[in-house]
Amino acid sequence: MIVAYKYKSNGHKLMSNDKKYMSSGNKQKSNVQNPMSNLNNLMSKTNNSMRNLNKYISNLKKMKGALIKPYCLI
């Protein structure tokens, strides 16, 4: 999974502010931190999805008695 950079089909980076980061060594830090924040965002979204899925599964387990059980027709 590539989080840090996106590429166009011709191979050029889509990040327009790369040159800004290259020009001053001071701002280059934010270029390094940015992929980390992207990764953190992705992880929190994933955790939220997992939490929602777990809630859904636990609700299903509670409802289990109400669900119609499949019958074997053979």
C-alpha atoms as a PDB file:
ATOM      1  CA  MET A   1       0.000   0.000   0.000  1.00  0.00           C
ATOM      2  CA  ILE A   2       1.515   3.314  -1.069  1.00  0.00           C
ATOM      3  CA  VAL A   3       0.502   6.134   1.226  1.00  0.00           C
ATOM      4  CA  ALA A   4       3.202   8.729   0.749  1.00  0.00           C
ATOM      5  CA  TYR A   5       3.125   9.484  -2.985  1.00  0.00           C
ATOM      6  CA  LYS A   6       0.640   9.322  -5.822  1.00  0.00           C
ATOM      7  CA  TYR A   7       1.837   9.062  -9.403  1.00  0.00           C
ATOM      8  CA  LYS A   8       0.227  10.013 -12.694  1.00  0.00           C
ATOM      9  CA  SER A   9       0.354   7.458 -15.486  1.00  0.00           C
ATOM     10  CA  ASN A  10       3.372   9.223 -17.018  1.00  0.00           C
ATOM     11  CA  GLY A  11       5.329   8.867 -13.777  1.00  0.00           C
ATOM     12  CA  HIS A  12       5.340  12.522 -12.664  1.00  0.00           C
ATOM     13  CA  LYS A  13       4.511  13.234  -9.049  1.00  0.00           C
ATOM     14  CA  LEU A  14       1.160  14.885  -8.443  1.00  0.00           C
ATOM     15  CA  MET A  15       2.460  16.736  -5.385  1.00  0.00           C
ATOM     16  CA  SER A  16       2.815  20.296  -6.669  1.00  0.00           C
ATOM     17  CA  ASN A  17       4.512  21.546  -3.502  1.00  0.00           C
ATOM     18  CA  ASP A  18       7.510  19.196  -3.742  1.00  0.00           C
ATOM     19  CA  LYS A  19       9.682  22.025  -5.109  1.00  0.00           C
ATOM     20  CA  LYS A  20       8.713  24.210  -2.159  1.00  0.00           C
ATOM     21  CA  TYR A  21       9.963  21.555   0.247  1.00  0.00           C
ATOM     22  CA  MET A  22      13.160  21.038  -1.708  1.00  0.00           C
ATOM     23  CA  SER A  23      13.981  24.766  -1.815  1.00  0.00           C
ATOM     24  CA  SER A  24      14.344  25.226   1.943  1.00  0.00           C
ATOM     25  CA  GLY A  25      15.779  22.646   4.294  1.00  0.00           C
ATOM     26  CA  ASN A  26      13.534  23.980   7.049  1.00  0.00           C
ATOM     27  CA  LYS A  27      10.311  23.004   5.317  1.00  0.00           C
ATOM     28  CA  GLN A  28      11.672  19.616   4.323  1.00  0.00           C
ATOM     29  CA  LYS A  29      10.624  18.288   7.721  1.00  0.00           C
ATOM     30  CA  SER A  30       6.960  18.690   6.824  1.00  0.00           C
ATOM     31  CA  ASN A  31       7.563  16.600   3.708  1.00  0.00           C
ATOM     32  CA  VAL A  32       8.682  13.776   5.986  1.00  0.00           C
ATOM     33  CA  GLN A  33       5.874  14.257   8.514  1.00  0.00           C
ATOM     34  CA  ASN A  34       3.150  14.447   5.879  1.00  0.00           C
ATOM     35  CA  PRO A  35       3.253  10.749   4.865  1.00  0.00           C
ATOM     36  CA  MET A  36       3.147   9.863   8.572  1.00  0.00           C
ATOM     37  CA  SER A  37       0.016  11.941   9.100  1.00  0.00           C
ATOM     38  CA  ASN A  38      -1.500  10.324   6.002  1.00  0.00           C
ATOM     39  CA  LEU A  39      -0.701   6.937   7.511  1.00  0.00           C
ATOM     40  CA  ASN A  40      -2.181   7.971  10.863  1.00  0.00           C
ATOM     41  CA  ASN A  41      -5.367   9.128   9.116  1.00  0.00           C
ATOM     42  CA  LEU A  42      -5.598   5.832   7.298  1.00  0.00           C
ATOM     43  CA  MET A  43      -5.055   3.878  10.509  1.00  0.00           C
ATOM     44  CA  SER A  44      -7.734   5.807  12.393  1.00  0.00           C
ATOM     45  CA  LYS A  45     -10.195   5.249   9.528  1.00  0.00           C
ATOM     46  CA  THR A  46      -9.326   1.556   9.557  1.00  0.00           C
ATOM     47  CA  ASN A  47      -9.794   1.410  13.330  1.00  0.00           C
ATOM     48  CA  ASN A  48     -13.165   3.133  13.019  1.00  0.00           C
ATOM     49  CA  SER A  49     -14.231   0.655  10.341  1.00  0.00           C
ATOM     50  CA  MET A  50     -13.130  -2.259  12.519  1.00  0.00           C
ATOM     51  CA  ARG A  51     -15.012  -0.823  15.500  1.00  0.00           C
ATOM     52  CA  ASN A  52     -18.167  -0.453  13.402  1.00  0.00           C
ATOM     53  CA  LEU A  53     -17.771  -3.982  12.081  1.00  0.00           C
ATOM     54  CA  ASN A  54     -17.351  -5.343  15.609  1.00  0.00           C
ATOM     55  CA  LYS A  55     -20.499  -3.497  16.744  1.00  0.00           C
ATOM     56  CA  TYR A  56     -22.379  -4.940  13.785  1.00  0.00           C
ATOM     57  CA  ILE A  57     -21.166  -8.470  14.559  1.00  0.00           C
ATOM     58  CA  SER A  58     -22.061  -8.179  18.246  1.00  0.00           C
ATOM     59  CA  ASN A  59     -25.530  -6.908  17.292  1.00  0.00           C
ATOM     60  CA  LEU A  60     -25.904  -9.875  14.962  1.00  0.00           C
ATOM     61  CA  LYS A  61     -24.923 -12.221  17.776  1.00  0.00           C
ATOM     62  CA  LYS A  62     -27.566 -10.647  20.029  1.00  0.00           C
ATOM     63  CA  MET A  63     -30.164 -11.094  17.292  1.00  0.00           C
ATOM     64  CA  LYS A  64     -29.121 -14.686  16.635  1.00  0.00           C
ATOM     65  CA  GLY A  65     -32.197 -16.102  18.360  1.00  0.00           C
ATOM     66  CA  ALA A  66     -34.444 -13.993  16.139  1.00  0.00           C
ATOM     67  CA  LEU A  67     -32.784 -15.026  12.894  1.00  0.00           C
ATOM     68  CA  ILE A  68     -34.375 -17.805  10.874  1.00  0.00           C
ATOM     69  CA  LYS A  69     -32.111 -20.821  10.945  1.00  0.00           C
ATOM     70  CA  PRO A  70     -31.482 -22.509   7.590  1.00  0.00           C
ATOM     71  CA  TYR A  71     -32.929 -26.008   7.175  1.00  0.00           C
ATOM     72  CA  CYS A  72     -31.218 -28.904   5.514  1.00  0.00           C
ATOM     73  CA  LEU A  73     -33.518 -30.042   2.707  1.00  0.00           C
ATOM     74  CA  ILE A  74     -31.789 -33.322   1.891  1.00  0.00           C
END
